[in-house]
N, C-alpha and C. Protein backbone atom coordinates (compact mmCIF):
# COMPACT_ATOMS: atom_id res chain seq x y z
N UNK A 1 22.43 129.76 58.66
CA UNK A 1 22.07 129.86 60.22
C UNK A 1 23.40 129.84 61.21
N UNK A 2 23.36 130.97 61.81
CA UNK A 2 24.73 131.10 62.62
C UNK A 2 24.13 130.50 64.19
N UNK A 3 24.83 129.70 64.69
CA UNK A 3 24.13 128.85 66.01
C UNK A 3 25.59 128.76 66.72
N UNK A 4 25.35 129.03 68.03
CA UNK A 4 26.50 128.98 69.15
C UNK A 4 25.75 128.07 69.99
N UNK A 5 26.90 126.92 70.04
CA UNK A 5 26.60 125.68 71.07
C UNK A 5 27.25 125.94 72.30
N UNK A 6 26.33 125.97 73.54
CA UNK A 6 26.98 126.42 74.54
C UNK A 6 26.74 124.78 75.64
N UNK A 7 27.71 124.62 76.52
CA UNK A 7 27.10 123.42 77.26
C UNK A 7 28.54 123.11 78.09
N UNK A 8 28.17 122.56 79.62
CA UNK A 8 29.87 122.30 80.09
C UNK A 8 30.33 121.05 79.18
N UNK A 9 31.56 120.60 79.68
CA UNK A 9 32.54 119.34 79.09
C UNK A 9 31.69 118.61 79.33
N UNK A 10 31.11 117.58 78.46
CA UNK A 10 30.65 116.20 78.63
C UNK A 10 29.42 116.24 78.59
N UNK A 11 28.37 117.56 78.47
CA UNK A 11 27.18 117.94 78.11
C UNK A 11 26.57 116.92 76.97
N UNK A 12 27.50 116.46 76.16
CA UNK A 12 27.36 116.28 74.33
C UNK A 12 27.27 116.90 73.54
N UNK A 13 27.94 118.13 73.71
CA UNK A 13 27.85 119.00 72.20
C UNK A 13 28.51 118.47 71.06
N UNK A 14 29.16 117.40 71.15
CA UNK A 14 30.33 116.98 70.27
C UNK A 14 29.00 115.95 69.08
N UNK A 15 28.30 115.11 69.86
CA UNK A 15 27.68 114.46 69.41
C UNK A 15 25.92 114.94 69.00
N UNK A 16 26.08 116.11 69.70
CA UNK A 16 24.99 116.71 68.72
C UNK A 16 25.20 117.69 68.06
N UNK A 17 26.12 118.14 67.68
CA UNK A 17 27.20 119.49 66.35
C UNK A 17 27.14 118.25 65.15
N UNK A 18 27.72 117.24 65.58
CA UNK A 18 27.64 116.28 64.60
C UNK A 18 26.20 116.11 63.69
N UNK A 19 25.29 115.81 64.74
CA UNK A 19 24.08 115.52 63.93
C UNK A 19 23.58 117.11 63.36
N UNK A 20 23.85 117.78 64.03
CA UNK A 20 23.13 118.93 63.26
C UNK A 20 24.07 119.74 62.25
N UNK A 21 25.29 119.55 62.20
CA UNK A 21 25.84 119.82 61.10
C UNK A 21 25.62 118.92 59.69
N UNK A 22 25.37 117.51 59.98
CA UNK A 22 24.71 117.09 58.92
C UNK A 22 23.38 117.52 58.50
N UNK A 23 22.70 117.85 59.51
CA UNK A 23 20.90 118.07 59.14
C UNK A 23 20.93 119.51 58.72
N UNK A 24 21.67 120.21 58.72
CA UNK A 24 21.84 122.04 58.90
C UNK A 24 22.61 122.43 57.15
N UNK A 25 23.59 121.01 57.06
CA UNK A 25 24.42 121.62 56.16
C UNK A 25 25.14 122.81 56.59
N UNK A 26 25.73 123.05 57.76
CA UNK A 26 26.70 124.25 57.73
C UNK A 26 27.71 123.45 58.85
N UNK A 27 28.84 124.26 58.65
CA UNK A 27 30.34 123.83 59.12
C UNK A 27 29.99 124.03 60.44
N UNK A 28 31.07 123.34 61.09
CA UNK A 28 31.28 122.79 62.83
C UNK A 28 32.50 123.65 63.10
N UNK A 29 32.64 124.09 63.72
CA UNK A 29 33.43 125.26 64.41
C UNK A 29 33.73 124.72 66.08
N UNK A 30 34.96 123.97 66.01
CA UNK A 30 35.25 123.51 67.46
C UNK A 30 36.36 124.04 67.97
N UNK A 31 36.25 124.72 68.43
CA UNK A 31 37.70 125.62 68.80
C UNK A 31 38.51 124.65 69.86
N UNK A 32 37.80 123.62 70.75
CA UNK A 32 38.45 122.93 71.32
C UNK A 32 39.31 121.71 70.60
N UNK A 33 38.75 121.12 69.22
CA UNK A 33 39.33 120.41 68.29
C UNK A 33 40.31 121.38 67.59
N UNK A 34 40.61 122.28 67.26
CA UNK A 34 41.05 123.42 66.61
C UNK A 34 42.42 123.93 67.21
N UNK A 35 42.50 123.80 68.71
CA UNK A 35 43.30 123.97 69.53
C UNK A 35 44.12 122.57 70.05
N UNK A 36 43.31 121.56 69.71
CA UNK A 36 43.96 120.27 70.22
C UNK A 36 44.57 120.15 69.03
N UNK A 37 44.29 120.53 67.90
CA UNK A 37 44.74 119.78 66.72
C UNK A 37 46.47 120.55 66.19
N UNK A 38 46.35 121.80 67.23
CA UNK A 38 47.37 122.73 66.91
C UNK A 38 48.61 121.68 66.92
N UNK A 39 49.77 122.21 66.24
CA UNK A 39 50.90 121.09 65.95
C UNK A 39 51.71 121.64 67.60
N UNK A 40 51.31 120.45 68.48
CA UNK A 40 51.98 120.52 70.06
C UNK A 40 53.47 120.61 69.95
N UNK A 41 54.71 120.45 68.55
CA UNK A 41 55.98 121.00 68.62
C UNK A 41 56.15 122.28 68.12
N UNK A 42 54.85 123.17 68.04
CA UNK A 42 55.39 124.33 67.48
C UNK A 42 55.28 125.60 69.14
N UNK A 43 55.84 126.26 68.54
CA UNK A 43 55.58 127.47 69.89
C UNK A 43 54.31 127.71 70.16
N UNK A 44 52.94 127.93 69.21
CA UNK A 44 51.92 128.31 69.14
C UNK A 44 51.49 127.02 69.95
N UNK A 45 51.64 125.71 69.74
CA UNK A 45 50.92 124.51 70.23
C UNK A 45 51.46 124.24 71.62
N UNK A 46 52.87 124.49 71.86
CA UNK A 46 53.26 124.35 73.18
C UNK A 46 52.92 125.48 74.13
N UNK A 47 52.10 126.39 73.92
CA UNK A 47 51.79 127.34 74.68
C UNK A 47 50.05 127.08 74.78
N UNK A 48 49.29 126.58 73.75
CA UNK A 48 47.80 126.00 73.78
C UNK A 48 48.16 124.62 74.80
N UNK A 49 49.00 123.63 74.78
CA UNK A 49 49.03 122.43 75.32
C UNK A 49 49.26 123.20 76.70
N UNK A 50 49.80 124.04 77.22
CA UNK A 50 50.25 124.44 78.64
C UNK A 50 49.09 124.94 79.24
N UNK A 51 47.83 124.89 78.64
CA UNK A 51 46.67 125.55 79.08
C UNK A 51 45.68 124.46 79.44
N UNK A 52 45.44 123.52 78.21
CA UNK A 52 44.19 122.80 77.72
C UNK A 52 44.68 121.30 78.78
N UNK A 53 46.29 120.92 79.12
CA UNK A 53 46.58 119.82 79.09
C UNK A 53 46.25 119.67 80.72
N UNK A 54 46.26 121.04 81.34
CA UNK A 54 45.68 121.27 83.09
C UNK A 54 44.54 121.40 83.15
N UNK A 55 43.58 121.66 82.21
CA UNK A 55 42.06 122.14 82.09
C UNK A 55 41.42 123.45 82.16
N UNK A 56 42.50 124.32 81.64
CA UNK A 56 42.23 125.48 81.65
C UNK A 56 42.44 126.35 80.27
N UNK A 57 41.51 127.41 80.13
CA UNK A 57 40.73 127.83 78.76
C UNK A 57 41.98 128.47 78.42
N UNK A 58 42.25 128.32 76.66
CA UNK A 58 43.23 129.02 76.41
C UNK A 58 43.20 130.84 76.14
N UNK A 59 44.12 131.31 76.13
CA UNK A 59 43.57 132.95 76.58
C UNK A 59 42.77 133.33 75.43
N UNK A 60 42.32 134.42 75.51
CA UNK A 60 41.33 135.08 74.35
C UNK A 60 42.22 135.37 73.09
N UNK A 61 43.32 135.94 73.26
CA UNK A 61 44.43 136.47 72.29
C UNK A 61 44.59 135.08 71.54
N UNK A 62 44.75 133.68 72.24
CA UNK A 62 45.05 132.94 71.08
C UNK A 62 44.29 132.18 70.15
N UNK A 63 42.77 132.28 70.95
CA UNK A 63 41.37 131.93 70.19
C UNK A 63 41.21 132.33 69.31
N UNK A 64 40.77 133.68 69.86
CA UNK A 64 39.97 134.90 68.53
C UNK A 64 40.61 134.68 67.14
N UNK A 65 41.97 134.61 67.20
CA UNK A 65 42.61 134.76 65.75
C UNK A 65 42.33 133.16 64.99
N UNK A 66 42.39 132.49 65.76
CA UNK A 66 42.41 131.04 65.01
C UNK A 66 40.65 131.07 64.62
N UNK A 67 39.79 131.70 65.37
CA UNK A 67 38.18 131.39 65.40
C UNK A 67 38.30 132.47 63.90
N UNK A 68 38.78 133.77 63.81
CA UNK A 68 38.43 134.80 62.84
C UNK A 68 39.15 134.18 61.43
N UNK A 69 40.19 133.63 61.53
CA UNK A 69 40.66 132.67 60.19
C UNK A 69 39.86 132.07 59.69
N UNK A 70 39.39 131.11 60.67
CA UNK A 70 38.26 130.25 60.44
C UNK A 70 37.07 130.25 59.40
N UNK A 71 36.62 131.68 60.26
CA UNK A 71 35.35 132.23 59.97
C UNK A 71 35.29 133.06 58.59
N UNK A 72 36.51 133.08 58.06
CA UNK A 72 37.06 134.00 57.03
C UNK A 72 37.15 132.64 55.42
N UNK A 73 37.03 131.41 55.86
CA UNK A 73 36.87 130.48 54.61
C UNK A 73 35.61 130.49 54.03
N UNK A 74 35.75 130.16 52.97
CA UNK A 74 34.54 130.00 51.97
C UNK A 74 33.14 129.25 52.56
N UNK A 75 33.44 128.32 53.50
CA UNK A 75 32.70 127.63 53.87
C UNK A 75 31.82 128.02 55.16
N UNK A 76 32.23 129.30 55.21
CA UNK A 76 31.53 129.82 56.69
C UNK A 76 30.55 130.87 56.36
N UNK A 77 30.54 131.36 55.11
CA UNK A 77 29.89 132.53 54.63
C UNK A 77 28.40 132.65 55.00
N UNK A 78 28.01 131.81 54.92
CA UNK A 78 26.39 131.56 55.17
C UNK A 78 26.12 131.23 56.47
N UNK A 79 27.02 130.87 57.19
CA UNK A 79 26.90 130.71 58.97
C UNK A 79 27.72 129.18 59.49
N UNK A 80 27.39 129.13 60.33
CA UNK A 80 28.33 127.62 60.78
C UNK A 80 27.48 127.54 62.52
N UNK A 81 28.47 126.27 62.81
CA UNK A 81 27.73 125.58 64.29
C UNK A 81 28.87 126.18 65.10
N UNK A 82 29.05 127.06 66.13
CA UNK A 82 30.24 127.33 67.15
C UNK A 82 30.06 126.25 68.46
N UNK A 83 30.90 125.24 68.39
CA UNK A 83 31.10 124.14 69.04
C UNK A 83 32.01 124.84 70.25
N UNK A 84 31.09 124.80 71.49
CA UNK A 84 31.40 125.28 73.15
C UNK A 84 32.82 126.79 72.77
N UNK A 85 32.40 127.71 71.91
CA UNK A 85 32.74 128.92 71.56
C UNK A 85 31.73 130.24 71.55
N UNK A 86 31.65 131.30 71.96
CA UNK A 86 32.18 131.75 73.00
C UNK A 86 32.48 131.01 74.30
N UNK A 87 33.55 131.06 74.66
CA UNK A 87 33.55 130.53 76.49
C UNK A 87 34.09 131.69 76.97
N UNK A 88 34.16 132.51 76.71
CA UNK A 88 34.09 133.39 78.07
C UNK A 88 33.45 134.99 77.54
N UNK A 89 33.15 135.83 78.36
CA UNK A 89 32.14 136.99 77.81
C UNK A 89 32.63 137.73 76.91
N UNK A 90 34.10 137.65 77.03
CA UNK A 90 35.09 138.72 76.41
C UNK A 90 35.13 138.41 74.73
N UNK A 91 35.11 136.79 75.14
CA UNK A 91 34.96 136.30 73.61
C UNK A 91 33.78 136.49 72.96
N UNK A 92 32.83 136.34 73.60
CA UNK A 92 31.15 136.57 73.13
C UNK A 92 31.10 138.09 72.85
N UNK A 93 31.72 138.85 73.20
CA UNK A 93 31.74 140.47 72.49
C UNK A 93 32.51 140.28 71.45
N UNK A 94 33.90 139.78 71.48
CA UNK A 94 34.66 139.99 70.21
C UNK A 94 33.81 139.32 69.25
N UNK A 95 33.48 138.26 69.58
CA UNK A 95 32.40 137.27 68.06
C UNK A 95 31.30 138.57 67.88
N UNK A 96 30.60 139.06 68.56
CA UNK A 96 29.40 140.07 68.30
C UNK A 96 30.11 140.95 67.51
N UNK A 97 31.19 141.73 67.57
CA UNK A 97 31.88 142.68 66.87
C UNK A 97 32.02 142.30 65.54
N UNK A 98 32.76 141.54 66.04
CA UNK A 98 33.15 140.62 64.50
C UNK A 98 32.17 140.39 63.48
N UNK A 99 31.21 139.73 63.92
CA UNK A 99 29.99 139.45 63.26
C UNK A 99 28.98 140.84 62.71
N UNK A 100 28.80 141.62 63.49
CA UNK A 100 28.43 143.25 63.43
C UNK A 100 28.90 143.60 62.26
N UNK A 101 30.18 143.43 62.33
CA UNK A 101 30.87 144.55 61.34
C UNK A 101 30.50 143.94 59.75
N UNK A 102 30.14 142.62 59.94
CA UNK A 102 29.61 141.77 58.57
C UNK A 102 28.23 141.87 58.42
N UNK A 103 27.72 142.34 59.29
CA UNK A 103 26.24 142.55 59.21
C UNK A 103 25.24 141.04 59.11
N UNK A 104 25.99 140.33 60.28
CA UNK A 104 25.65 138.80 60.82
C UNK A 104 25.21 139.03 61.99
N UNK A 105 24.03 138.28 62.73
CA UNK A 105 23.92 138.01 64.18
C UNK A 105 24.10 136.50 64.41
N UNK A 106 23.97 136.40 65.24
CA UNK A 106 23.96 134.97 66.16
C UNK A 106 22.05 134.97 66.07
N UNK A 107 21.65 133.57 65.44
CA UNK A 107 20.09 132.84 65.35
C UNK A 107 19.77 132.41 66.56
N UNK A 108 20.69 131.85 66.98
CA UNK A 108 20.46 131.24 68.29
C UNK A 108 21.39 130.89 68.96
N UNK A 109 21.51 130.53 70.17
CA UNK A 109 22.55 129.89 71.33
C UNK A 109 21.69 128.60 71.93
N UNK A 110 22.30 127.38 71.23
CA UNK A 110 21.79 126.29 72.20
C UNK A 110 22.48 125.97 73.72
N UNK A 111 22.09 126.11 74.44
CA UNK A 111 22.48 125.80 76.19
C UNK A 111 22.24 124.24 76.17
N UNK A 112 23.07 123.63 76.29
CA UNK A 112 22.73 122.41 76.80
C UNK A 112 23.18 121.90 78.27
N UNK A 113 21.99 121.67 79.46
CA UNK A 113 22.34 121.78 80.42
C UNK A 113 22.04 120.16 80.63
N UNK A 114 23.17 119.96 81.78
CA UNK A 114 23.16 118.31 82.18
C UNK A 114 23.66 118.36 83.85
N UNK A 115 23.01 117.64 84.74
CA UNK A 115 23.73 117.42 86.03
C UNK A 115 25.05 117.03 86.22
N UNK A 116 25.79 117.43 87.35
CA UNK A 116 27.44 117.61 87.60
C UNK A 116 27.67 115.79 87.26
N UNK A 117 26.78 115.13 87.91
CA UNK A 117 27.58 113.61 88.42
C UNK A 117 27.38 113.31 86.85
N UNK A 118 26.43 113.50 86.03
CA UNK A 118 26.41 112.78 84.67
C UNK A 118 27.58 112.85 83.87
N UNK A 119 27.90 114.47 84.15
CA UNK A 119 28.78 114.86 83.37
C UNK A 119 30.32 114.32 83.62
N UNK A 120 30.61 114.38 84.97
CA UNK A 120 31.46 113.73 85.45
C UNK A 120 31.75 112.21 84.87
N UNK A 121 30.76 111.10 85.09
CA UNK A 121 30.63 110.15 84.53
C UNK A 121 30.77 109.86 82.89
N UNK A 122 30.64 111.04 82.33
CA UNK A 122 30.64 110.63 80.46
C UNK A 122 32.19 110.97 80.31
N UNK A 123 32.19 112.14 81.25
CA UNK A 123 33.74 112.92 80.76
C UNK A 123 34.89 111.57 81.18
N UNK A 124 34.67 110.73 82.28
CA UNK A 124 35.42 109.42 82.61
C UNK A 124 35.69 108.31 81.56
N UNK A 125 34.12 108.27 81.06
CA UNK A 125 34.02 107.23 80.04
C UNK A 125 34.93 107.63 79.07
N UNK A 126 34.68 108.98 78.34
CA UNK A 126 35.42 109.34 77.09
C UNK A 126 36.61 109.54 77.43
N UNK A 127 37.61 109.61 78.21
CA UNK A 127 38.43 109.39 78.47
C UNK A 127 39.13 108.03 78.34
N UNK A 128 38.65 107.49 78.93
CA UNK A 128 38.95 105.87 78.63
C UNK A 128 38.75 105.24 77.33
N UNK A 129 37.65 105.98 76.83
CA UNK A 129 37.46 104.98 74.81
C UNK A 129 38.15 105.94 74.16
N UNK A 130 38.49 107.68 74.38
CA UNK A 130 39.23 107.75 73.74
C UNK A 130 40.67 108.11 73.50
N UNK A 131 41.16 108.11 74.98
CA UNK A 131 42.47 108.01 75.47
C UNK A 131 42.87 109.39 74.93
N UNK A 132 42.23 110.66 75.77
CA UNK A 132 42.15 111.75 75.90
C UNK A 132 42.88 112.26 77.47
N UNK A 133 44.39 112.80 77.02
CA UNK A 133 45.27 112.87 78.24
C UNK A 133 44.50 114.21 78.88
N UNK A 134 43.36 115.20 78.36
CA UNK A 134 42.83 116.20 79.32
C UNK A 134 41.20 115.72 79.91
N UNK A 135 41.28 114.47 79.87
CA UNK A 135 39.96 113.86 80.61
C UNK A 135 40.57 113.02 81.76
N UNK A 136 40.72 113.45 82.85
CA UNK A 136 41.20 112.70 83.71
C UNK A 136 40.49 113.31 85.08
N UNK A 137 40.24 112.93 86.17
CA UNK A 137 39.48 113.47 87.48
C UNK A 137 40.11 115.07 87.73
N UNK A 138 40.95 115.42 88.10
CA UNK A 138 41.55 116.53 88.61
C UNK A 138 41.30 117.45 87.19
N UNK A 139 41.79 117.06 85.80
CA UNK A 139 41.33 118.03 84.69
C UNK A 139 39.85 118.00 84.87
N UNK A 140 39.18 117.36 84.89
CA UNK A 140 37.92 117.25 84.50
C UNK A 140 37.15 118.30 85.68
N UNK A 141 37.81 118.10 86.89
CA UNK A 141 36.81 119.18 87.79
C UNK A 141 37.37 120.48 87.91
N UNK A 142 38.63 121.04 87.43
CA UNK A 142 38.95 121.83 87.26
C UNK A 142 38.46 122.80 85.80
N UNK A 143 38.21 122.14 84.62
CA UNK A 143 37.60 122.31 83.65
C UNK A 143 36.19 122.56 83.70
N UNK A 144 35.32 121.81 84.88
CA UNK A 144 33.93 122.17 85.08
C UNK A 144 34.07 123.14 85.86
N UNK A 145 35.01 123.62 86.74
CA UNK A 145 35.21 124.82 87.56
C UNK A 145 35.21 125.87 86.32
N UNK A 146 36.06 125.56 85.55
CA UNK A 146 36.29 126.91 84.74
C UNK A 146 35.02 127.15 84.10
N UNK A 147 34.14 126.25 83.70
CA UNK A 147 33.04 126.26 82.86
C UNK A 147 31.93 127.05 83.79
N UNK A 148 31.76 126.54 85.17
CA UNK A 148 30.89 127.32 86.33
C UNK A 148 31.41 128.64 85.97
N UNK A 149 32.74 129.36 86.07
CA UNK A 149 32.83 131.08 86.56
C UNK A 149 33.33 131.53 85.57
N UNK A 150 33.61 130.68 84.54
CA UNK A 150 33.74 131.85 83.05
C UNK A 150 32.68 131.49 82.11
N UNK A 151 32.45 130.48 81.30
CA UNK A 151 31.58 130.06 80.48
C UNK A 151 30.28 130.42 80.71
N UNK A 152 29.49 130.06 81.90
CA UNK A 152 28.27 130.13 82.48
C UNK A 152 28.11 131.56 81.93
N UNK A 153 28.49 132.67 82.85
CA UNK A 153 28.18 134.04 82.36
C UNK A 153 28.03 134.30 81.02
N UNK A 154 28.53 133.70 80.27
CA UNK A 154 28.46 133.70 78.57
C UNK A 154 26.61 133.85 78.53
N UNK A 155 25.95 132.77 78.95
CA UNK A 155 24.57 132.46 78.87
C UNK A 155 24.03 133.78 79.03
N UNK A 156 24.10 134.28 80.24
CA UNK A 156 23.72 135.69 80.40
C UNK A 156 23.68 136.89 79.58
N UNK A 157 25.09 136.99 78.89
CA UNK A 157 25.04 137.49 77.82
C UNK A 157 24.00 137.24 76.77
N UNK A 158 24.08 136.10 76.40
CA UNK A 158 23.01 136.06 75.36
C UNK A 158 21.89 135.85 75.68
N UNK A 159 21.28 135.77 77.07
CA UNK A 159 19.52 135.67 77.69
C UNK A 159 19.38 137.37 77.12
N UNK A 160 20.41 138.05 77.50
CA UNK A 160 20.11 139.29 77.57
C UNK A 160 19.81 139.71 75.96
N UNK A 161 20.52 139.16 75.15
CA UNK A 161 19.92 139.33 73.58
C UNK A 161 18.78 138.47 73.10
N UNK A 162 18.08 137.68 74.05
CA UNK A 162 17.03 137.53 73.73
C UNK A 162 16.99 135.61 73.07
N UNK A 163 18.44 135.15 72.87
CA UNK A 163 18.37 134.39 71.94
C UNK A 163 18.57 132.67 72.35
N UNK A 164 18.30 132.63 73.49
CA UNK A 164 19.07 131.32 73.94
C UNK A 164 17.60 130.54 73.93
N UNK A 165 17.94 128.99 73.75
CA UNK A 165 17.48 128.08 73.73
C UNK A 165 17.65 127.12 74.39
N UNK A 166 17.21 126.71 75.47
CA UNK A 166 17.51 126.16 76.55
C UNK A 166 17.16 124.22 76.26
N UNK A 167 18.10 123.39 76.12
CA UNK A 167 17.94 121.96 76.41
C UNK A 167 18.34 121.05 77.22
N UNK A 168 17.51 120.06 77.54
CA UNK A 168 17.94 119.18 78.69
C UNK A 168 18.86 118.22 78.12
N UNK A 169 20.02 118.13 78.20
CA UNK A 169 20.94 116.92 77.38
C UNK A 169 21.21 116.17 78.49
N UNK A 170 20.14 115.85 79.77
CA UNK A 170 20.17 114.83 80.87
C UNK A 170 19.46 113.46 80.17
N UNK A 171 19.14 113.47 78.56
CA UNK A 171 18.14 112.45 78.58
C UNK A 171 18.87 111.89 77.19
N UNK A 172 18.08 110.50 76.64
CA UNK A 172 19.20 110.24 75.42
C UNK A 172 19.02 110.84 74.33
N UNK A 173 20.47 110.61 73.53
CA UNK A 173 20.60 111.54 72.66
C UNK A 173 19.79 111.77 71.57
N UNK A 174 19.17 110.73 71.11
CA UNK A 174 17.89 110.92 70.34
C UNK A 174 16.98 111.96 70.81
N UNK A 175 16.84 112.03 71.90
CA UNK A 175 15.50 112.68 72.59
C UNK A 175 16.22 114.03 72.31
N UNK A 176 17.16 114.28 72.81
CA UNK A 176 18.20 115.95 72.71
C UNK A 176 18.08 116.13 71.54
N UNK A 177 18.26 115.47 70.51
CA UNK A 177 18.29 115.65 68.68
C UNK A 177 17.15 116.09 68.48
N UNK A 178 15.77 115.58 68.69
CA UNK A 178 14.57 115.80 68.77
C UNK A 178 14.65 117.22 69.44
N UNK A 179 14.53 117.42 70.05
CA UNK A 179 14.37 118.93 71.36
C UNK A 179 14.89 119.78 70.81
N UNK A 180 16.25 119.78 70.12
CA UNK A 180 17.23 120.98 69.44
C UNK A 180 16.31 120.97 68.00
N UNK A 181 15.78 119.92 67.16
CA UNK A 181 15.66 120.31 65.79
C UNK A 181 13.97 121.05 66.10
N UNK A 182 13.32 120.73 67.14
CA UNK A 182 12.24 121.13 67.32
C UNK A 182 11.73 122.76 67.93
N UNK A 183 13.21 122.96 68.91
CA UNK A 183 13.44 124.72 69.01
C UNK A 183 13.55 125.35 67.77
N UNK A 184 14.57 124.49 67.16
CA UNK A 184 15.32 125.49 65.87
C UNK A 184 13.96 125.47 65.12
N UNK A 185 13.11 124.51 64.75
CA UNK A 185 11.91 125.01 64.18
C UNK A 185 10.81 125.96 64.34
N UNK A 186 10.78 125.84 65.75
CA UNK A 186 9.74 126.85 66.12
C UNK A 186 10.85 128.71 66.12
N UNK A 187 11.89 128.33 66.03
CA UNK A 187 12.59 130.07 65.82
C UNK A 187 12.92 130.23 64.43
N UNK A 188 12.39 129.65 63.41
CA UNK A 188 12.16 129.97 62.07
C UNK A 188 11.19 131.18 61.61
């Protein structure tokens, strides 16, 4: 299966992706993790850090090569779970083109939606637990605004394709996972 998982920062994508990857036995592609794992001492790492450390999205010209390189690996030949990617309509269009060239299409786009006050609380707690430098009040606000202005329009792109599955992420994690599996089973 080819799955795109979209939701604002703190919606629980990471938690649900871990469960889905195990259940579906497909690779998990988190561009956020890939970008954060870039060597900060390298030229590329410094450029990437200059964006993510202040809550901005890394530009498409940095993200797309990382994603397409990863998709060329053997374990991604039969599908994957995109976590937080694409984050812009341009990235969605580039991904569509990449997949169409390989006669592949996205099976489902999971949209995990959560109330803004819950997101803020979750992100501040994550910052404390994981000591993430990119999770502070100012950066969180910037990331939520970036999501609203740049990533939320990606949903319309996929709604136009008719493959979005809406999931209420404002409930216990086990219930969210049950809703995801139920939705995926209905689409098979």
